[in-house]
Amino acid sequence: MFVAALAYLSYKGLTDVKWVAMENATRSALTNVSGQVVHALNNTATQFAAHPSAVATSGLPIEAAVGFVPGLLMGFWKG
């Protein structure tokens, strides 16, 4: 919405937007975010590989049902 508003104001001549600088800043931010996401996923995968018994004994299906079923029922109840 913000970029659309800037484009509209630029089109009407009310403001001057430096699109190249905006593109460079956006590209840099997205590159940093994607790098951090990849790093976090690699760390998570490494932890799961190092401790497979913790994942197996966590009782994930039971915990998922305890969190999922009340939410599902509340969703049906609320409509």
Protein backbone atom coordinates (compact mmCIF):
# COMPACT_ATOMS: atom_id res chain seq x y z
CA MET A 1 0.00 0.00 0.00
CA PHE A 2 2.83 2.37 0.86
CA VAL A 3 4.58 1.85 -2.47
CA ALA A 4 1.29 2.22 -4.33
CA ALA A 5 0.64 5.50 -2.52
CA LEU A 6 4.13 6.73 -3.41
CA ALA A 7 3.60 5.75 -7.04
CA TYR A 8 0.29 7.64 -7.12
CA LEU A 9 1.80 10.77 -5.55
CA SER A 10 4.71 10.57 -7.96
CA TYR A 11 2.32 10.20 -10.90
CA LYS A 12 0.36 13.26 -9.79
CA GLY A 13 3.60 15.24 -9.46
CA LEU A 14 3.19 15.90 -5.74
CA THR A 15 6.41 14.16 -4.80
CA ASP A 16 9.63 12.99 -6.41
CA VAL A 17 10.56 9.39 -5.66
CA LYS A 18 14.06 8.10 -6.31
CA TRP A 19 13.02 4.66 -7.51
CA VAL A 20 16.57 3.39 -8.08
CA ALA A 21 17.57 4.13 -4.49
CA MET A 22 14.36 2.56 -3.24
CA GLU A 23 14.98 -0.54 -5.35
CA ASN A 24 18.55 -0.87 -4.06
CA ALA A 25 17.46 -0.51 -0.42
CA THR A 26 14.67 -3.07 -0.88
CA ARG A 27 16.99 -5.52 -2.62
CA SER A 28 19.55 -5.18 0.17
CA ALA A 29 16.94 -5.70 2.88
CA LEU A 30 15.45 -8.76 1.16
CA THR A 31 18.91 -10.25 0.64
CA ASN A 32 19.70 -9.82 4.35
CA VAL A 33 16.37 -11.31 5.42
CA SER A 34 16.70 -14.31 3.12
CA GLY A 35 20.23 -14.92 4.36
CA GLN A 36 19.04 -14.86 7.96
CA VAL A 37 16.16 -17.24 7.18
CA VAL A 38 18.52 -19.71 5.49
CA HIS A 39 20.90 -19.48 8.45
CA ALA A 40 18.07 -20.11 10.94
CA LEU A 41 16.76 -23.09 8.93
CA ASN A 42 20.25 -24.59 8.73
CA ASN A 43 20.69 -24.21 12.50
CA THR A 44 17.31 -25.82 13.15
CA ALA A 45 18.08 -28.73 10.83
CA THR A 46 21.44 -29.19 12.53
CA GLN A 47 19.80 -29.28 15.96
CA PHE A 48 17.23 -31.85 14.83
CA ALA A 49 19.98 -33.99 13.31
CA ALA A 50 22.10 -33.75 16.47
CA HIS A 51 19.20 -34.65 18.81
CA PRO A 52 16.82 -37.00 16.98
CA SER A 53 15.58 -38.61 20.20
CA ALA A 54 14.25 -35.27 21.48
CA VAL A 55 12.02 -35.01 18.42
CA ALA A 56 10.82 -38.61 18.69
CA THR A 57 9.95 -38.39 22.40
CA SER A 58 8.31 -34.97 22.30
CA GLY A 59 4.88 -36.47 21.67
CA LEU A 60 4.26 -34.05 18.83
CA PRO A 61 0.97 -35.62 17.62
CA ILE A 62 -0.54 -35.36 21.11
CA GLU A 63 0.68 -31.78 21.54
CA ALA A 64 -0.60 -30.89 18.09
CA ALA A 65 -4.01 -32.38 18.90
CA VAL A 66 -4.15 -30.50 22.20
CA GLY A 67 -3.51 -27.24 20.35
CA PHE A 68 -5.39 -27.98 17.15
CA VAL A 69 -8.65 -29.52 18.36
CA PRO A 70 -9.66 -26.67 20.71
CA GLY A 71 -8.84 -24.15 18.00
CA LEU A 72 -10.85 -26.08 15.45
CA LEU A 73 -13.83 -26.37 17.79
CA MET A 74 -13.64 -22.68 18.67
CA GLY A 75 -13.53 -21.85 14.97
CA PHE A 76 -16.67 -23.87 14.33
CA TRP A 77 -18.34 -22.38 17.38
CA LYS A 78 -17.54 -18.76 16.40
CA GLY A 79 -18.61 -19.43 12.84
